[in-house]
């Protein structure tokens, strides 16, 4: 009797999981599709001025693969690069100057931002310093890009053309992350997949939609929209700064676009699980607004949606319950099918699709670890610089 009740509970859980997957498949903004790329655009009659702001801290390992691509942009208008070196100890600033001397191309200015005041994350303080310098040039656009991002030669002109044609105040491309090691193959495509599930790209650009997000590695922002939204001052506490910037722009009346990139790539390696773990856990609990109820709901949701289907197949097979096996297998099949487009985008083998529950379990553990680290008082961090939790900073202020 007890075993029958146990199997019946698993059957019902598998049925709910299947219903959730059918809803996600059909009604969550087609999040699983990967064809949201820069929209068709026409080149302007006159190309606007652009200033590029690159926050950097201890980036000497990646700069040789990223900075030359930025300096070599084939942009018909006036463009200038400001690299803000936030207290690097590995010679980032000197290396950037040397690369610019050898490379030529767009003018490069390397400046230190000084110590961030209380209430600022280091990256946003560096961005603020770069934006202040850029505003002296009175550009129409600001390109905020990370030090590990390599750009195709036409990246900047395509971004500017898309923003002008579509009337967007913010255009962002999610850089294609590196996928070479075993752990990168298992975790990285899922990272983008989960992000798109939370923030369906199609909804972000839809007029009237409240969904807003950006990818911090590549954000083209109208200077007047930044001033109107008080960026970055309005989001100075933000750990997930790219999403916060997009929300601020949208709330101030701006239009936002986000899609997957062609020709914008991250060169930063994450060869070990620990590297990826730190990348995710750094901001996972912040994504949940540091809320224990949201954390509990997230753990329950991940379990129901991602872990119940394979568990139902195993339990059903062991107990000889065809309904349990069929419902679990159907949910697992829909799950894997929605993951296939992202694997193709990352040029990964499709046999990784059925392993998505394994990756989801890793993300569940990373999210819980993020909450544990937060409760221990370990706040936001950027490149080894750790900051107090927002509420702690507010108390000190």
Protein backbone atom coordinates (compact mmCIF):
# COMPACT_ATOMS: atom_id res chain seq x y z
CA UNK A 1 0.00 0.00 0.00
CA UNK A 2 2.79 2.39 0.94
CA UNK A 3 4.72 1.68 -2.25
CA UNK A 4 1.57 2.24 -4.34
CA UNK A 5 1.01 5.61 -2.67
CA UNK A 6 4.64 6.53 -3.27
CA UNK A 7 4.42 5.68 -6.97
CA UNK A 8 1.11 7.53 -7.25
CA UNK A 9 2.75 10.67 -5.81
CA UNK A 10 5.56 10.40 -8.36
CA UNK A 11 2.98 9.95 -11.16
CA UNK A 12 1.20 13.12 -10.13
CA UNK A 13 4.51 15.00 -9.83
CA UNK A 14 5.51 13.83 -13.31
CA UNK A 15 2.13 14.95 -14.68
CA UNK A 16 2.59 18.41 -13.15
CA UNK A 17 6.14 18.55 -14.53
CA UNK A 18 4.90 17.67 -18.01
CA UNK A 19 2.21 20.34 -17.79
CA UNK A 20 4.88 22.87 -16.72
CA UNK A 21 7.06 21.94 -19.67
CA UNK A 22 4.20 22.26 -22.14
CA UNK A 23 3.45 25.70 -20.74
CA UNK A 24 7.11 26.72 -20.99
CA UNK A 25 7.30 25.38 -24.53
CA UNK A 26 4.28 27.33 -25.77
CA UNK A 27 3.81 30.37 -23.52
CA UNK A 28 7.18 31.51 -22.15
CA UNK A 29 8.07 33.80 -25.02
CA UNK A 30 9.53 31.03 -27.20
CA UNK A 31 12.57 31.29 -24.92
CA UNK A 32 14.12 28.17 -26.40
CA UNK A 33 14.55 29.62 -29.88
CA UNK A 34 17.97 31.00 -30.78
CA UNK A 35 17.10 33.07 -33.84
CA UNK A 36 16.89 36.40 -31.97
CA UNK A 37 19.87 38.15 -33.54
CA UNK A 38 20.57 41.79 -34.40
CA UNK A 39 17.56 43.02 -36.35
CA UNK A 40 17.81 44.12 -39.96
CA UNK A 41 19.15 47.65 -40.19
CA UNK A 42 20.21 50.36 -42.60
CA UNK A 43 23.34 52.44 -42.30
CA UNK A 44 22.78 56.07 -41.29
CA UNK A 45 23.64 58.98 -43.53
CA UNK A 46 26.02 60.22 -40.85
CA UNK A 47 27.62 57.97 -38.27
CA UNK A 48 27.24 59.21 -34.66
CA UNK A 49 30.15 59.55 -32.24
CA UNK A 50 30.69 56.59 -29.89
CA UNK A 51 32.76 56.22 -26.74
CA UNK A 52 33.64 52.72 -25.57
CA UNK A 53 33.99 52.09 -21.83
CA UNK A 54 35.88 48.98 -20.66
CA UNK A 55 36.07 48.29 -16.89
CA UNK A 56 39.12 46.14 -16.19
CA UNK A 57 40.73 44.57 -13.15
CA UNK A 58 43.58 42.05 -13.46
CA UNK A 59 42.77 41.24 -17.08
CA UNK A 60 46.29 40.82 -18.50
CA UNK A 61 45.58 37.17 -19.34
CA UNK A 62 42.69 37.98 -21.70
CA UNK A 63 43.52 41.45 -23.06
CA UNK A 64 45.77 40.25 -25.91
CA UNK A 65 42.81 38.26 -27.32
CA UNK A 66 40.18 40.95 -26.79
CA UNK A 67 41.48 44.53 -26.81
CA UNK A 68 43.05 44.45 -30.31
CA UNK A 69 39.67 43.45 -31.77
CA UNK A 70 38.08 46.49 -30.14
CA UNK A 71 40.77 48.87 -31.34
CA UNK A 72 40.46 47.47 -34.87
CA UNK A 73 36.76 48.29 -35.25
CA UNK A 74 35.81 49.27 -38.79
CA UNK A 75 33.63 52.19 -37.76
CA UNK A 76 33.04 55.07 -40.19
CA UNK A 77 32.36 57.64 -37.46
CA UNK A 78 34.44 58.90 -34.55
CA UNK A 79 35.03 56.36 -31.80
CA UNK A 80 37.31 56.28 -28.78
CA UNK A 81 38.08 53.67 -26.11
CA UNK A 82 38.39 54.32 -22.37
CA UNK A 83 39.81 51.41 -20.38
CA UNK A 84 39.32 51.97 -16.65
CA UNK A 85 41.97 50.00 -14.78
CA UNK A 86 40.61 49.30 -11.30
CA UNK A 87 43.71 48.69 -9.21
CA UNK A 88 45.12 45.83 -11.25
CA UNK A 89 48.20 44.09 -9.91
CA UNK A 90 49.08 42.18 -13.09
CA UNK A 91 50.05 45.10 -15.32
CA UNK A 92 46.67 45.39 -17.08
CA UNK A 93 47.03 49.11 -17.73
CA UNK A 94 50.57 48.93 -19.08
CA UNK A 95 49.68 45.96 -21.28
CA UNK A 96 46.68 47.83 -22.70
CA UNK A 97 48.88 50.80 -23.61
CA UNK A 98 51.43 48.50 -25.24
CA UNK A 99 48.75 46.69 -27.26
CA UNK A 100 47.38 50.04 -28.44
CA UNK A 101 50.88 51.23 -29.40
CA UNK A 102 51.48 48.11 -31.49
CA UNK A 103 47.95 47.79 -32.84
CA UNK A 104 46.97 51.34 -33.64
CA UNK A 105 43.34 51.86 -34.57
CA UNK A 106 40.87 53.59 -32.27
CA UNK A 107 42.36 55.98 -29.71
CA UNK A 108 42.79 54.40 -26.27
CA UNK A 109 42.87 56.14 -22.89
CA UNK A 110 43.77 54.10 -19.79
CA UNK A 111 42.76 55.64 -16.45
CA UNK A 112 42.40 54.51 -12.81
CA UNK A 113 39.04 55.13 -11.09
CA UNK A 114 40.30 55.33 -7.52
CA UNK A 115 38.77 53.43 -4.60
CA UNK A 116 35.00 52.99 -4.85
CA UNK A 117 33.01 54.74 -2.13
CA UNK A 118 30.61 52.86 0.13
CA UNK A 119 27.55 51.62 -1.70
CA UNK A 120 29.25 51.02 -5.05
CA UNK A 121 30.32 47.76 -6.61
CA UNK A 122 33.77 48.01 -8.15
CA UNK A 123 32.72 47.33 -11.71
CA UNK A 124 30.00 49.98 -11.69
CA UNK A 125 32.33 52.51 -10.08
CA UNK A 126 34.81 51.87 -12.89
CA UNK A 127 32.00 52.21 -15.45
CA UNK A 128 30.91 55.49 -13.88
CA UNK A 129 34.44 56.88 -14.10
CA UNK A 130 34.70 55.87 -17.76
CA UNK A 131 31.29 57.35 -18.57
CA UNK A 132 32.26 60.65 -16.95
CA UNK A 133 35.35 60.86 -19.14
CA UNK A 134 33.34 59.87 -22.20
CA UNK A 135 30.69 62.52 -21.61
CA UNK A 136 33.35 65.18 -22.04
CA UNK A 137 33.46 64.07 -25.70
CA UNK A 138 29.66 64.45 -25.97
CA UNK A 139 29.07 61.13 -27.80
CA UNK A 140 25.64 60.03 -28.97
CA UNK A 141 26.30 56.45 -27.92
CA UNK A 142 28.23 54.63 -25.22
CA UNK A 143 29.40 51.05 -25.73
CA UNK A 144 29.86 49.27 -22.41
CA UNK A 145 31.88 46.11 -22.96
CA UNK A 146 33.92 43.82 -20.73
CA UNK A 147 37.66 43.29 -20.97
CA UNK A 148 37.25 39.64 -21.98
CA UNK A 149 35.01 40.35 -24.99
CA UNK A 150 36.38 40.06 -28.53
CA UNK A 151 34.45 41.90 -31.24
CA UNK A 152 34.25 41.18 -34.94
CA UNK A 153 35.54 44.13 -37.05
CA UNK A 154 31.99 45.26 -37.92
CA UNK A 155 30.54 44.78 -34.44
CA UNK A 156 30.28 48.46 -33.50
CA UNK A 157 28.82 49.63 -36.81
CA UNK A 158 26.21 46.84 -36.73
CA UNK A 159 25.19 47.77 -33.18
CA UNK A 160 24.87 51.46 -34.02
CA UNK A 161 22.96 50.75 -37.23
CA UNK A 162 20.54 48.42 -35.40
CA UNK A 163 19.93 50.95 -32.64
CA UNK A 164 19.31 53.77 -35.09
CA UNK A 165 17.06 51.77 -37.40
CA UNK A 166 14.98 50.25 -34.61
CA UNK A 167 14.84 53.35 -32.44
CA UNK A 168 16.33 51.48 -29.50
CA UNK A 169 17.90 53.24 -26.53
CA UNK A 170 19.78 50.11 -25.50
CA UNK A 171 20.98 47.30 -27.76
CA UNK A 172 22.75 44.38 -26.13
CA UNK A 173 24.19 41.14 -27.45
CA UNK A 174 24.83 38.14 -25.25
CA UNK A 175 28.39 37.23 -26.11
CA UNK A 176 29.06 33.65 -27.10
CA UNK A 177 30.92 32.21 -24.12
CA UNK A 178 33.89 29.89 -24.49
CA UNK A 179 32.95 26.21 -24.67
CA UNK A 180 36.05 24.01 -24.81
CA UNK A 181 36.56 22.12 -21.55
CA UNK A 182 34.25 19.33 -20.40
CA UNK A 183 32.69 21.48 -17.69
CA UNK A 184 32.19 24.39 -20.09
CA UNK A 185 30.33 22.09 -22.45
CA UNK A 186 28.08 20.87 -19.65
CA UNK A 187 27.40 24.19 -17.91
CA UNK A 188 27.83 27.15 -20.29
CA UNK A 189 25.07 26.53 -22.88
CA UNK A 190 22.69 25.84 -19.99
CA UNK A 191 23.67 29.16 -18.40
CA UNK A 192 22.42 31.04 -21.45
CA UNK A 193 19.41 28.72 -21.76
CA UNK A 194 18.33 29.42 -18.17
CA UNK A 195 18.89 33.16 -18.67
CA UNK A 196 16.64 33.14 -21.75
CA UNK A 197 14.03 31.20 -19.80
CA UNK A 198 13.99 33.91 -17.12
CA UNK A 199 14.16 36.78 -19.61
CA UNK A 200 12.70 35.69 -22.96
CA UNK A 201 14.45 37.79 -25.58
CA UNK A 202 11.33 38.37 -27.66
CA UNK A 203 9.50 39.93 -24.72
CA UNK A 204 12.33 42.34 -23.94
CA UNK A 205 11.91 44.31 -27.18
CA UNK A 206 8.10 44.07 -27.24
CA UNK A 207 6.42 47.45 -26.65
CA UNK A 208 4.50 47.41 -23.39
CA UNK A 209 6.35 44.40 -21.98
CA UNK A 210 7.80 44.80 -18.49
CA UNK A 211 10.55 42.24 -19.15
CA UNK A 212 13.95 43.94 -19.29
CA UNK A 213 17.46 42.53 -19.41
CA UNK A 214 20.83 43.05 -21.03
CA UNK A 215 24.12 41.17 -21.25
CA UNK A 216 26.89 43.20 -19.67
CA UNK A 217 29.59 42.11 -22.07
CA UNK A 218 28.10 44.14 -24.91
CA UNK A 219 25.70 47.02 -24.25
CA UNK A 220 25.26 49.92 -26.66
CA UNK A 221 23.49 52.74 -24.84
CA UNK A 222 22.29 56.13 -26.01
CA UNK A 223 24.02 58.76 -23.91
CA UNK A 224 20.82 60.75 -23.38
CA UNK A 225 18.98 57.59 -22.30
CA UNK A 226 21.77 56.88 -19.79
CA UNK A 227 21.42 60.39 -18.38
CA UNK A 228 17.63 60.11 -18.23
CA UNK A 229 17.84 56.78 -16.37
CA UNK A 230 20.65 58.05 -14.09
CA UNK A 231 23.01 55.27 -15.11
CA UNK A 232 25.09 54.05 -13.41
CA UNK A 233 24.23 55.95 -10.20
CA UNK A 234 20.71 54.52 -10.06
CA UNK A 235 22.05 50.95 -10.08
CA UNK A 236 25.24 51.41 -8.05
CA UNK A 237 24.32 48.61 -5.59
CA UNK A 238 23.51 46.11 -8.34
CA UNK A 239 25.39 42.83 -8.46
CA UNK A 240 23.62 41.85 -11.70
CA UNK A 241 24.37 45.22 -13.22
CA UNK A 242 23.39 44.45 -16.81
CA UNK A 243 19.80 43.51 -15.92
CA UNK A 244 19.57 46.51 -13.58
CA UNK A 245 20.74 48.88 -16.33
CA UNK A 246 18.16 47.53 -18.78
CA UNK A 247 15.39 47.88 -16.20
CA UNK A 248 16.40 51.45 -15.45
CA UNK A 249 16.37 52.36 -19.14
CA UNK A 250 12.98 50.75 -19.69
CA UNK A 251 11.44 52.34 -16.61
CA UNK A 252 12.56 55.76 -17.83
CA UNK A 253 10.70 55.22 -21.10
CA UNK A 254 13.51 53.79 -23.23
CA UNK A 255 13.35 50.87 -25.66
CA UNK A 256 15.55 47.84 -25.07
CA UNK A 257 16.70 45.00 -27.32
CA UNK A 258 18.65 41.87 -26.35
CA UNK A 259 19.64 38.90 -28.48
CA UNK A 260 22.30 36.31 -29.10
CA UNK A 261 25.54 37.41 -30.69
CA UNK A 262 27.31 36.63 -33.92
CA UNK A 263 30.83 38.03 -33.79
CA UNK A 264 30.89 38.99 -30.10
CA UNK A 265 32.72 36.33 -28.09
CA UNK A 266 34.03 35.95 -24.56
CA UNK A 267 37.63 34.73 -24.47
CA UNK A 268 37.63 34.07 -20.73
CA UNK A 269 38.24 30.38 -19.93
CA UNK A 270 36.34 28.46 -17.27
CA UNK A 271 38.24 25.17 -17.42
CA UNK A 272 37.24 23.80 -14.00
CA UNK A 273 33.89 23.33 -12.31
CA UNK A 274 35.05 25.63 -9.52
CA UNK A 275 35.52 28.49 -11.99
CA UNK A 276 31.99 28.10 -13.30
CA UNK A 277 30.63 27.60 -9.79
CA UNK A 278 32.02 30.97 -8.69
CA UNK A 279 30.66 32.67 -11.82
CA UNK A 280 27.12 31.48 -11.08
CA UNK A 281 27.07 31.62 -7.28
CA UNK A 282 28.43 35.17 -7.30
CA UNK A 283 25.05 36.51 -8.40
CA UNK A 284 22.50 33.69 -8.12
CA UNK A 285 21.05 34.74 -4.76
CA UNK A 286 21.07 38.39 -5.81
CA UNK A 287 18.88 37.33 -8.75
CA UNK A 288 16.41 36.12 -6.10
CA UNK A 289 16.59 39.51 -4.33
CA UNK A 290 18.20 37.79 -1.33
CA UNK A 291 14.79 36.37 -0.42
CA UNK A 292 14.56 33.04 1.46
CA UNK A 293 10.99 32.42 0.18
CA UNK A 294 12.14 32.97 -3.40
CA UNK A 295 15.08 30.66 -2.78
CA UNK A 296 12.77 27.95 -1.46
CA UNK A 297 10.45 28.42 -4.43
CA UNK A 298 13.38 28.24 -6.85
CA UNK A 299 14.69 25.02 -5.33
CA UNK A 300 11.19 23.50 -5.45
CA UNK A 301 10.67 24.69 -9.02
CA UNK A 302 14.00 23.35 -10.28
CA UNK A 303 13.27 20.03 -8.59
CA UNK A 304 9.80 19.72 -10.06
CA UNK A 305 10.64 20.90 -13.56
CA UNK A 306 14.11 19.42 -14.11
CA UNK A 307 14.67 16.60 -11.62
CA UNK A 308 11.25 14.95 -11.38
CA UNK A 309 11.14 13.71 -15.03
CA UNK A 310 14.24 11.45 -14.87
CA UNK A 311 13.32 10.42 -11.31
CA UNK A 312 9.84 9.41 -12.51
CA UNK A 313 11.33 7.29 -15.29
CA UNK A 314 13.60 5.52 -12.80
CA UNK A 315 10.88 5.01 -10.18
CA UNK A 316 8.34 3.90 -12.76
CA UNK A 317 10.74 1.39 -14.29
CA UNK A 318 11.62 -0.04 -10.87
CA UNK A 319 7.98 -0.23 -9.75
CA UNK A 320 6.58 -1.45 -13.07
CA UNK A 321 4.38 1.64 -13.53
CA UNK A 322 3.92 2.51 -17.24
CA UNK A 323 2.08 5.82 -16.50
CA UNK A 324 4.99 6.97 -14.32
CA UNK A 325 7.54 6.08 -17.01
CA UNK A 326 5.52 7.63 -19.84
CA UNK A 327 4.78 10.91 -18.06
CA UNK A 328 8.38 11.28 -16.89
CA UNK A 329 9.78 10.40 -20.31
CA UNK A 330 7.42 12.85 -22.05
CA UNK A 331 8.46 15.71 -19.76
CA UNK A 332 12.13 14.77 -20.18
CA UNK A 333 11.71 14.69 -23.95
CA UNK A 334 10.14 18.17 -24.09
CA UNK A 335 12.90 19.46 -21.80
CA UNK A 336 15.66 18.02 -23.97
CA UNK A 337 13.96 19.24 -27.15
CA UNK A 338 13.88 22.84 -25.93
CA UNK A 339 17.60 22.61 -25.15
CA UNK A 340 18.64 21.39 -28.60
CA UNK A 341 18.62 24.85 -30.30
CA UNK A 342 21.00 26.24 -27.68
CA UNK A 343 23.36 23.29 -28.10
CA UNK A 344 23.33 23.89 -31.85
CA UNK A 345 24.07 27.59 -31.32
CA UNK A 346 27.10 26.57 -29.27
CA UNK A 347 28.01 23.83 -31.78
CA UNK A 348 27.81 21.12 -29.14
CA UNK A 349 26.82 17.45 -29.54
CA UNK A 350 23.10 16.82 -29.11
CA UNK A 351 23.67 13.94 -26.69
CA UNK A 352 24.17 16.64 -24.06
CA UNK A 353 20.46 17.50 -24.24
CA UNK A 354 19.25 14.59 -22.03
CA UNK A 355 21.88 15.57 -19.45
CA UNK A 356 20.15 18.90 -18.75
CA UNK A 357 18.74 17.57 -15.42
CA UNK A 358 22.33 16.96 -14.25
CA UNK A 359 23.26 20.54 -15.10
CA UNK A 360 20.08 21.85 -13.47
CA UNK A 361 21.01 20.00 -10.28
CA UNK A 362 24.43 21.69 -10.34
CA UNK A 363 22.73 25.08 -10.73
CA UNK A 364 20.44 24.25 -7.82
CA UNK A 365 23.49 23.58 -5.64
CA UNK A 366 25.20 26.75 -6.88
CA UNK A 367 22.12 28.80 -6.00
CA UNK A 368 21.93 27.36 -2.51
CA UNK A 369 25.67 27.98 -2.07
CA UNK A 370 25.16 31.58 -3.19
CA UNK A 371 22.58 32.02 -0.42
CA UNK A 372 24.89 30.41 2.13
CA UNK A 373 27.75 32.73 1.16
CA UNK A 374 25.41 35.71 1.44
CA UNK A 375 24.28 34.70 4.92
CA UNK A 376 27.92 34.42 5.96
CA UNK A 377 28.37 38.07 5.05
CA UNK A 378 30.26 37.56 1.84
CA UNK A 379 28.74 40.14 -0.46
CA UNK A 380 29.21 40.99 -4.09
CA UNK A 381 32.63 40.48 -5.64
CA UNK A 382 34.35 41.68 -8.77
CA UNK A 383 37.71 40.20 -9.80
CA UNK A 384 38.72 39.45 -6.22
CA UNK A 385 37.39 42.70 -4.72
CA UNK A 386 34.61 41.90 -2.24
CA UNK A 387 31.94 44.35 -1.10
CA UNK A 388 29.51 44.42 1.75
CA UNK A 389 25.98 43.27 1.23
CA UNK A 390 23.66 46.12 0.11
CA UNK A 391 21.80 46.16 3.44
CA UNK A 392 25.10 46.29 5.34
CA UNK A 393 26.35 49.16 3.19
CA UNK A 394 23.11 51.00 3.81
CA UNK A 395 23.48 50.54 7.59
CA UNK A 396 27.01 51.98 7.50
CA UNK A 397 25.88 54.92 5.39
